[in-house]
Amino acid sequence: MSDELLVTLLFLASYYVTWVIVHSTIASPPVERWQFFWEDRWVKRHAGPNKEVAARMWESDGWNSKLAYLPTCAWCTGFWVSGAVVGLTSLLESVPLWPLVWPASAAVIGLLDSLTHHDA
């Protein structure tokens, strides 16, 4: 397989997996479980036994935990997804300049998502 084709396929595969995580309703149940697990953990660590503080944290807009926020951001999720795709592919196929392909793939994911999802 040519290097150009391999890198193109890595970009497309990474984008698709990121899209499924960030935008697809099929992935919503596991993504929501992930978000609530990490948000609950964050609230418990930061509110302590104070239930009023914990309630205010849960009522705030957005996610307090960075790991709960992660699957809402294509740029963020794309970085880790492309790292996994490039890393796993490099076990089976020689990925040219993989330390550059990984962040380049993440950038392509973010740019494609910005072009196709104006609400994000």
Protein backbone atom coordinates (compact mmCIF):
# COMPACT_ATOMS: atom_id res chain seq x y z
CA MET A 1 0.00 0.00 0.00
CA SER A 2 1.34 3.43 -0.86
CA ASP A 3 2.20 5.81 1.97
CA GLU A 4 -0.23 8.42 0.62
CA LEU A 5 -3.13 5.97 0.57
CA LEU A 6 -2.28 4.68 4.05
CA VAL A 7 -2.16 8.18 5.55
CA THR A 8 -5.41 9.13 3.81
CA LEU A 9 -7.12 6.03 5.17
CA LEU A 10 -5.77 6.78 8.66
CA PHE A 11 -7.22 10.30 8.47
CA LEU A 12 -10.61 9.04 7.27
CA ALA A 13 -10.82 6.19 9.78
CA SER A 14 -9.85 8.51 12.63
CA TYR A 15 -12.40 11.09 11.53
CA TYR A 16 -15.18 8.53 11.32
CA VAL A 17 -14.51 7.04 14.77
CA THR A 18 -14.34 10.56 16.23
CA TRP A 19 -17.61 11.50 14.52
CA VAL A 20 -19.33 8.42 15.97
CA ILE A 21 -18.15 9.31 19.48
CA VAL A 22 -18.93 13.06 19.30
CA HIS A 23 -22.03 13.27 17.10
CA SER A 24 -23.72 9.88 16.67
CA THR A 25 -26.77 8.91 18.69
CA ILE A 26 -25.66 5.28 18.50
CA ALA A 27 -22.73 6.05 20.78
CA SER A 28 -24.78 8.20 23.18
CA PRO A 29 -25.42 5.56 25.90
CA PRO A 30 -21.76 4.62 26.49
CA VAL A 31 -20.62 8.23 26.03
CA GLU A 32 -23.17 9.44 28.60
CA ARG A 33 -22.11 6.72 31.05
CA TRP A 34 -18.49 7.86 30.56
CA GLN A 35 -19.45 11.51 31.14
CA PHE A 36 -21.52 10.90 34.25
CA PHE A 37 -18.88 8.58 35.74
CA TRP A 38 -16.14 11.20 35.41
CA GLU A 39 -18.37 14.14 36.39
CA ASP A 40 -19.61 12.31 39.48
CA ARG A 41 -16.04 11.46 40.43
CA TRP A 42 -14.99 15.11 39.93
CA VAL A 43 -17.92 16.47 41.98
CA LYS A 44 -17.27 14.04 44.84
CA ARG A 45 -13.59 14.98 44.94
CA HIS A 46 -14.22 18.74 44.84
CA ALA A 47 -17.44 19.13 46.86
CA GLY A 48 -16.55 16.72 49.60
CA PRO A 49 -19.41 15.97 52.00
CA ASN A 50 -21.13 19.33 51.28
CA LYS A 51 -24.30 18.34 49.40
CA GLU A 52 -25.26 21.95 48.59
CA VAL A 53 -21.96 22.56 46.84
CA ALA A 54 -22.31 19.26 44.98
CA ALA A 55 -25.83 20.20 43.83
CA ARG A 56 -24.58 23.55 42.50
CA MET A 57 -21.77 21.79 40.65
CA TRP A 58 -24.25 19.42 38.97
CA GLU A 59 -26.48 22.36 37.99
CA SER A 60 -23.69 24.31 36.31
CA ASP A 61 -23.60 24.57 32.53
CA GLY A 62 -21.13 22.30 30.81
CA TRP A 63 -18.87 19.70 32.30
CA ASN A 64 -16.55 20.42 35.22
CA SER A 65 -14.46 17.31 34.61
CA LYS A 66 -12.10 17.44 31.64
CA LEU A 67 -12.67 13.73 31.00
CA ALA A 68 -16.45 14.26 30.98
CA TYR A 69 -16.00 17.12 28.50
CA LEU A 70 -13.69 15.11 26.22
CA PRO A 71 -16.36 13.34 24.08
CA THR A 72 -18.11 16.64 23.34
CA CYS A 73 -15.05 18.09 21.58
CA ALA A 74 -14.00 16.72 18.20
CA TRP A 75 -10.58 18.40 18.43
CA CYS A 76 -9.96 16.77 21.83
CA THR A 77 -11.41 13.36 21.06
CA GLY A 78 -9.80 13.37 17.62
CA PHE A 79 -6.35 13.71 19.13
CA TRP A 80 -6.74 10.54 21.19
CA VAL A 81 -8.66 8.61 18.54
CA SER A 82 -6.08 9.39 15.86
CA GLY A 83 -3.32 8.37 18.27
CA ALA A 84 -5.03 5.02 18.81
CA VAL A 85 -5.71 4.50 15.10
CA VAL A 86 -2.16 5.43 14.08
CA GLY A 87 -0.67 3.38 16.92
CA LEU A 88 -2.71 0.26 16.19
CA THR A 89 -2.09 0.56 12.47
CA SER A 90 1.65 0.89 13.05
CA LEU A 91 1.58 -2.55 14.67
CA LEU A 92 0.33 -4.04 11.38
CA GLU A 93 1.75 -1.70 8.76
CA SER A 94 4.72 0.63 8.58
CA VAL A 95 3.25 4.11 9.13
CA PRO A 96 5.57 6.73 7.63
CA LEU A 97 6.61 9.44 10.10
CA TRP A 98 3.98 8.35 12.62
CA PRO A 99 4.96 11.07 15.15
CA LEU A 100 3.87 13.60 12.52
CA VAL A 101 0.92 11.63 11.14
CA TRP A 102 -0.74 11.44 14.58
CA PRO A 103 -1.08 15.22 15.19
CA ALA A 104 -1.72 15.84 11.48
CA SER A 105 -4.61 13.38 11.64
CA ALA A 106 -5.94 15.12 14.75
CA ALA A 107 -5.78 18.47 12.96
CA VAL A 108 -7.62 17.09 9.93
CA ILE A 109 -10.33 15.71 12.23
CA GLY A 110 -10.77 19.07 13.95
CA LEU A 111 -10.85 20.98 10.69
CA LEU A 112 -13.33 18.59 9.05
CA ASP A 113 -15.56 18.75 12.11
CA SER A 114 -15.40 22.56 12.16
CA LEU A 115 -16.43 22.63 8.50
CA THR A 116 -19.30 20.18 8.87
CA HIS A 117 -20.67 21.04 12.35
CA HIS A 118 -21.07 24.76 12.80
CA ASP A 119 -22.73 24.38 16.22
CA ALA A 120 -19.52 23.08 17.79
